[in-house]
Amino acid sequence: MQSSVTKKEIKELIMKELPSLIKKDPKVREFIIELTSKHYADRKKTEDRIDRMLEELRLERLENQKRWEALQREWNKKWEENLKRWETWEKRWEETQKEWNKRWEALQREWNKKWEENQKTINRMLDEIKALREKQDADTKRLDRRFDSTIGALGARWGLFSEASFRGGLKAILEELGVKVERYHDYDTEGMVFGRPDQVELDLLIYDNTLIVAEIKSSMSREEMHAFQRKVEFYESRHGKKVKRKIVISPMVEDRAKDLAKELGIEVYSYPEDISFENEKETV
């Protein structure tokens, strides 16, 4: 009796024997290749496809290269335009700076002119005051100076007299003692004195061609003593002159300010007539 073979058994047999048959039998191998060829591309088709892909990649790379070169040209153009704009701005800035400098110089000349006019007026008034004072008796003048200084101290404490009145009185007294008083004004552009650009004022006392810098105030604090020292250093640096003596004339000086004055070599006087100008021979 003939046994029947199932599909499963046939399949298992083919899977088992087919690899060996493909290796040993060329006809079987050709049959398998022909049978399965529709499921995959042959070598030539594969090579053609790879060639097309490579060509597409080459063309795409060329296109990208063109785009990059165009973008670079655009960037270079914009960079050159920005450089031209910067050069134009820089030129305008230089022109603006020159114009500002011209205006500043003109303003300085105007300030100097007004200062000279004011100085002449002040000197004339001081001369008139001096002429009136000289008519008085020497002893009476000394007593008056003591009295004026005392009133000045009270004014500093209770606000009875303004700072300008006190300064004017003391300057008149110094003129009577034979000391020439000049008011020095300058502008500190670098902020050496006050930490910012500001006007600097000093009283210059000249006796026998000796330069003495003074601070004439109704009252003096430690901070103001520091500022006075910096103003003296500013004057010496600006004019290349060495100040012989530094003097503070004030009826009211804080104790801490007096201690600082000793450290800085600053002389402190409560009355202007107490100042000695003897044997001072340094030329201004």
Protein backbone atom coordinates (compact mmCIF):
# COMPACT_ATOMS: atom_id res chain seq x y z
CA MET A 1 0.00 0.00 0.00
CA GLN A 2 1.46 3.35 -1.09
CA SER A 3 1.90 5.98 1.66
CA SER A 4 0.84 9.60 1.05
CA VAL A 5 3.28 12.54 1.70
CA THR A 6 1.94 15.69 3.23
CA LYS A 7 2.75 19.25 2.11
CA LYS A 8 4.51 19.87 5.35
CA GLU A 9 6.80 16.92 4.81
CA ILE A 10 7.48 18.04 1.27
CA LYS A 11 8.36 21.52 2.49
CA GLU A 12 10.69 20.15 5.13
CA LEU A 13 12.37 17.94 2.58
CA ILE A 14 12.88 20.83 0.15
CA MET A 15 14.31 23.07 2.89
CA LYS A 16 16.67 20.29 3.89
CA GLU A 17 17.86 19.20 0.43
CA LEU A 18 17.64 22.44 -1.58
CA PRO A 19 20.87 24.13 -0.32
CA SER A 20 22.88 21.05 -1.20
CA LEU A 21 21.23 20.75 -4.60
CA ILE A 22 21.92 24.41 -5.40
CA LYS A 23 25.61 23.90 -4.69
CA LYS A 24 25.95 20.61 -6.59
CA ASP A 25 23.49 20.90 -9.46
CA PRO A 26 23.82 23.91 -11.87
CA LYS A 27 20.41 23.32 -13.36
CA VAL A 28 18.77 23.54 -9.98
CA ARG A 29 20.74 26.70 -9.22
CA GLU A 30 19.69 28.30 -12.55
CA PHE A 31 16.11 27.29 -11.93
CA ILE A 32 16.12 28.89 -8.49
CA ILE A 33 17.75 32.09 -9.83
CA GLU A 34 15.24 32.35 -12.67
CA LEU A 35 12.39 31.61 -10.34
CA THR A 36 13.40 34.30 -7.81
CA SER A 37 14.84 36.90 -10.16
CA LYS A 38 11.62 38.92 -10.18
CA HIS A 39 12.00 39.54 -6.46
CA TYR A 40 15.35 41.40 -6.69
CA ALA A 41 17.34 43.48 -9.20
CA ASP A 42 20.15 41.98 -11.14
CA ARG A 43 23.70 43.31 -10.82
CA LYS A 44 23.52 45.67 -13.79
CA LYS A 45 20.31 47.24 -12.58
CA THR A 46 21.80 47.62 -9.13
CA GLU A 47 24.94 49.27 -10.52
CA ASP A 48 22.82 51.58 -12.68
CA ARG A 49 20.76 52.56 -9.67
CA ILE A 50 23.91 53.26 -7.62
CA ASP A 51 25.33 55.31 -10.50
CA ARG A 52 22.13 57.37 -10.66
CA MET A 53 22.23 57.91 -6.92
CA LEU A 54 25.88 58.99 -7.06
CA GLU A 55 25.11 61.36 -9.93
CA GLU A 56 22.20 62.84 -8.00
CA LEU A 57 24.48 63.30 -4.98
CA ARG A 58 27.11 64.94 -7.19
CA LEU A 59 24.56 67.30 -8.71
CA GLU A 60 23.14 68.11 -5.30
CA ARG A 61 26.66 68.81 -3.98
CA LEU A 62 27.33 71.14 -6.92
CA GLU A 63 24.05 72.91 -6.26
CA ASN A 64 24.91 73.28 -2.58
CA GLN A 65 28.35 74.59 -3.53
CA LYS A 66 26.74 77.20 -5.79
CA ARG A 67 24.35 78.21 -3.04
CA TRP A 68 27.22 78.49 -0.53
CA GLU A 69 29.30 80.60 -2.91
CA ALA A 70 26.30 82.86 -3.59
CA LEU A 71 25.68 83.18 0.17
CA GLN A 72 29.34 83.98 0.75
CA ARG A 73 29.26 86.67 -1.93
CA GLU A 74 26.17 88.14 -0.28
CA TRP A 75 27.86 88.11 3.13
CA ASN A 76 31.01 89.73 1.72
CA LYS A 77 28.91 92.41 0.06
CA LYS A 78 27.06 93.15 3.29
CA TRP A 79 30.35 93.21 5.23
CA GLU A 80 31.84 95.72 2.79
CA GLU A 81 28.69 97.85 3.05
CA ASN A 82 28.90 97.76 6.86
CA LEU A 83 32.59 98.74 6.70
CA LYS A 84 31.70 101.71 4.52
CA ARG A 85 28.94 102.71 6.95
CA TRP A 86 31.35 102.44 9.88
CA GLU A 87 33.94 104.58 8.10
CA THR A 88 31.22 107.16 7.42
CA TRP A 89 30.10 107.12 11.09
CA GLU A 90 33.70 107.38 12.27
CA LYS A 91 34.28 110.38 10.00
CA ARG A 92 31.10 112.06 11.28
CA TRP A 93 32.15 111.37 14.87
CA GLU A 94 35.54 113.00 14.28
CA GLU A 95 33.83 116.03 12.74
CA THR A 96 31.43 116.21 15.69
CA GLN A 97 34.35 115.98 18.14
CA LYS A 98 36.12 118.84 16.37
CA GLU A 99 32.97 120.94 16.51
CA TRP A 100 32.52 120.23 20.24
CA ASN A 101 36.14 121.15 20.90
CA LYS A 102 35.69 124.44 19.06
CA ARG A 103 32.57 125.24 21.07
CA TRP A 104 34.29 124.29 24.33
CA GLU A 105 37.29 126.49 23.55
CA ALA A 106 34.97 129.38 22.68
CA LEU A 107 33.07 128.86 25.93
CA GLN A 108 36.31 128.79 27.90
CA ARG A 109 37.46 132.03 26.31
CA GLU A 110 34.13 133.60 27.23
CA TRP A 111 34.43 132.36 30.83
CA ASN A 112 37.99 133.66 31.10
CA LYS A 113 36.92 137.04 29.77
CA LYS A 114 34.08 137.30 32.27
CA TRP A 115 36.37 136.13 35.07
CA GLU A 116 38.95 138.80 34.23
CA GLU A 117 36.23 141.46 34.21
CA ASN A 118 34.89 140.25 37.57
CA GLN A 119 38.41 140.10 38.99
CA LYS A 120 39.03 143.71 37.98
CA THR A 121 35.81 144.76 39.66
CA ILE A 122 36.69 142.85 42.84
CA ASN A 123 40.22 144.27 42.92
CA ARG A 124 38.85 147.76 42.49
CA MET A 125 36.42 147.25 45.36
CA LEU A 126 39.22 145.82 47.52
CA ASP A 127 41.39 148.81 46.75
CA GLU A 128 38.56 151.11 47.80
CA ILE A 129 38.06 149.19 51.04
CA LYS A 130 41.78 149.26 51.70
CA ALA A 131 41.90 153.03 51.18
CA LEU A 132 39.08 153.51 53.68
CA ARG A 133 40.68 151.19 56.25
CA GLU A 134 44.03 152.96 56.06
CA LYS A 135 42.40 156.11 57.41
CA GLN A 136 41.74 154.42 60.74
CA ASP A 137 44.11 154.18 63.67
CA ALA A 138 46.35 151.06 63.78
CA ASP A 139 45.22 150.01 67.27
CA THR A 140 41.59 150.60 66.40
CA LYS A 141 42.01 148.50 63.24
CA ARG A 142 43.49 145.57 65.24
CA LEU A 143 40.54 145.73 67.65
CA ASP A 144 38.11 145.89 64.73
CA ARG A 145 39.75 142.87 63.11
CA ARG A 146 39.34 140.85 66.32
CA PHE A 147 35.72 141.97 66.50
CA ASP A 148 35.02 141.15 62.85
CA SER A 149 36.59 137.70 63.20
CA THR A 150 34.49 136.97 66.28
CA ILE A 151 31.32 138.05 64.49
CA GLY A 152 32.38 135.85 61.56
CA ALA A 153 32.65 132.85 63.88
CA LEU A 154 29.19 133.52 65.28
CA GLY A 155 27.88 133.85 61.73
CA ALA A 156 29.30 130.45 60.81
CA ARG A 157 27.58 128.89 63.82
CA TRP A 158 24.18 130.60 63.74
CA GLY A 159 23.99 131.82 60.16
CA LEU A 160 24.13 135.54 61.05
CA PHE A 161 26.53 136.32 58.15
CA SER A 162 26.97 134.65 54.75
CA GLU A 163 30.17 132.89 53.68
CA ALA A 164 30.78 135.58 51.07
CA SER A 165 30.67 138.37 53.69
CA PHE A 166 33.14 136.54 55.93
CA ARG A 167 35.55 135.93 53.05
CA GLY A 168 35.30 139.52 51.90
CA GLY A 169 36.12 140.84 55.36
CA LEU A 170 39.14 138.59 55.87
CA LYS A 171 40.53 139.37 52.43
CA ALA A 172 40.28 143.06 53.22
CA ILE A 173 42.17 142.49 56.48
CA LEU A 174 44.96 140.58 54.70
CA GLU A 175 45.28 143.38 52.16
CA GLU A 176 45.76 145.75 55.09
CA LEU A 177 48.62 143.58 56.32
CA GLY A 178 50.43 144.13 53.02
CA VAL A 179 49.51 140.78 51.53
CA LYS A 180 48.29 140.71 47.94
CA VAL A 181 45.23 138.47 47.60
CA GLU A 182 44.30 136.93 44.27
CA ARG A 183 41.41 134.56 43.60
CA TYR A 184 42.47 131.57 41.49
CA HIS A 185 39.88 129.85 39.29
CA ASP A 186 40.39 126.85 37.05
CA TYR A 187 38.39 123.89 35.77
CA ASP A 188 39.39 120.38 36.86
CA THR A 189 38.44 118.31 33.80
CA GLU A 190 39.86 115.04 35.21
CA GLY A 191 38.06 115.17 38.58
CA MET A 192 41.33 115.21 40.58
CA VAL A 193 39.87 117.32 43.41
CA PHE A 194 36.22 116.30 43.80
CA GLY A 195 36.18 112.96 41.95
CA ARG A 196 34.35 114.57 39.02
CA PRO A 197 34.98 117.54 36.66
CA ASP A 198 34.31 120.74 38.57
CA GLN A 199 35.43 124.32 39.20
CA VAL A 200 38.46 124.77 41.50
CA GLU A 201 38.91 127.98 43.51
CA LEU A 202 41.81 129.05 45.72
CA ASP A 203 43.05 132.22 47.43
CA LEU A 204 46.64 133.03 46.46
CA LEU A 205 48.47 135.18 49.02
CA ILE A 206 51.58 136.89 47.66
CA TYR A 207 54.01 138.55 50.08
CA ASP A 208 57.48 139.63 48.90
CA ASN A 209 57.09 137.42 45.79
CA THR A 210 56.38 134.42 48.02
CA LEU A 211 53.46 132.20 46.96
CA ILE A 212 51.14 131.07 49.74
CA VAL A 213 47.88 129.22 49.08
CA ALA A 214 45.09 129.86 51.57
CA GLU A 215 41.59 128.66 52.31
CA ILE A 216 39.51 131.46 53.84
CA LYS A 217 36.29 130.08 55.34
CA SER A 218 33.97 130.87 58.22
CA SER A 219 34.19 127.20 59.30
CA MET A 220 36.33 124.20 58.34
CA SER A 221 35.55 120.45 58.53
CA ARG A 222 37.86 117.46 58.08
CA GLU A 223 36.40 116.76 54.64
CA GLU A 224 36.98 120.38 53.59
CA MET A 225 40.59 120.12 54.83
CA HIS A 226 41.09 117.08 52.57
CA ALA A 227 39.58 119.00 49.64
CA PHE A 228 41.91 121.96 50.29
CA GLN A 229 44.97 119.67 50.14
CA ARG A 230 43.78 118.22 46.80
CA LYS A 231 43.21 121.72 45.39
CA VAL A 232 46.79 122.67 46.31
CA GLU A 233 48.10 119.51 44.58
CA PHE A 234 45.93 120.34 41.54
CA TYR A 235 47.40 123.88 41.37
CA GLU A 236 50.99 122.59 41.64
CA SER A 237 50.41 119.94 38.98
CA ARG A 238 48.66 122.34 36.61
CA HIS A 239 51.18 125.19 36.85
CA GLY A 240 54.40 123.38 37.77
CA LYS A 241 54.92 125.60 40.83
CA LYS A 242 55.72 124.56 44.37
CA VAL A 243 53.55 126.17 47.04
CA LYS A 244 55.66 127.56 49.90
CA ARG A 245 52.99 127.47 52.58
CA LYS A 246 49.43 126.15 52.93
CA ILE A 247 47.24 128.20 55.27
CA VAL A 248 43.68 127.85 56.54
CA ILE A 249 42.13 130.98 58.02
CA SER A 250 38.91 130.25 59.88
CA PRO A 251 37.47 131.12 63.30
CA MET A 252 35.85 127.66 63.54
CA VAL A 253 37.90 124.55 62.75
CA GLU A 254 36.84 121.07 63.82
CA ASP A 255 39.27 119.24 66.10
CA ARG A 256 39.50 116.36 63.63
CA ALA A 257 40.28 118.88 60.89
CA LYS A 258 43.10 120.36 63.01
CA ASP A 259 44.62 116.90 63.49
CA LEU A 260 44.48 116.28 59.75
CA ALA A 261 46.03 119.69 59.05
CA LYS A 262 49.06 118.76 61.17
CA GLU A 263 49.51 115.54 59.15
CA LEU A 264 49.29 117.43 55.85
CA GLY A 265 51.53 120.33 56.89
CA ILE A 266 48.72 122.89 56.74
CA GLU A 267 48.89 125.93 59.04
CA VAL A 268 45.62 126.85 60.78
CA TYR A 269 44.89 130.40 62.05
CA SER A 270 41.83 131.82 63.73
CA TYR A 271 42.89 135.44 63.14
CA PRO A 272 44.63 136.71 60.00
CA GLU A 273 46.91 139.05 61.95
CA ASP A 274 48.45 136.02 63.71
CA ILE A 275 50.07 134.92 60.44
CA SER A 276 53.78 135.71 60.12
CA PHE A 277 55.14 136.61 56.67
CA GLU A 278 58.67 137.39 57.75
CA ASN A 279 61.72 135.92 55.96
CA GLU A 280 59.70 134.48 53.07
CA LYS A 281 61.81 134.92 49.93
CA GLU A 282 60.61 132.23 47.49
CA THR A 283 59.72 133.69 44.12
CA VAL A 284 56.38 132.91 42.51
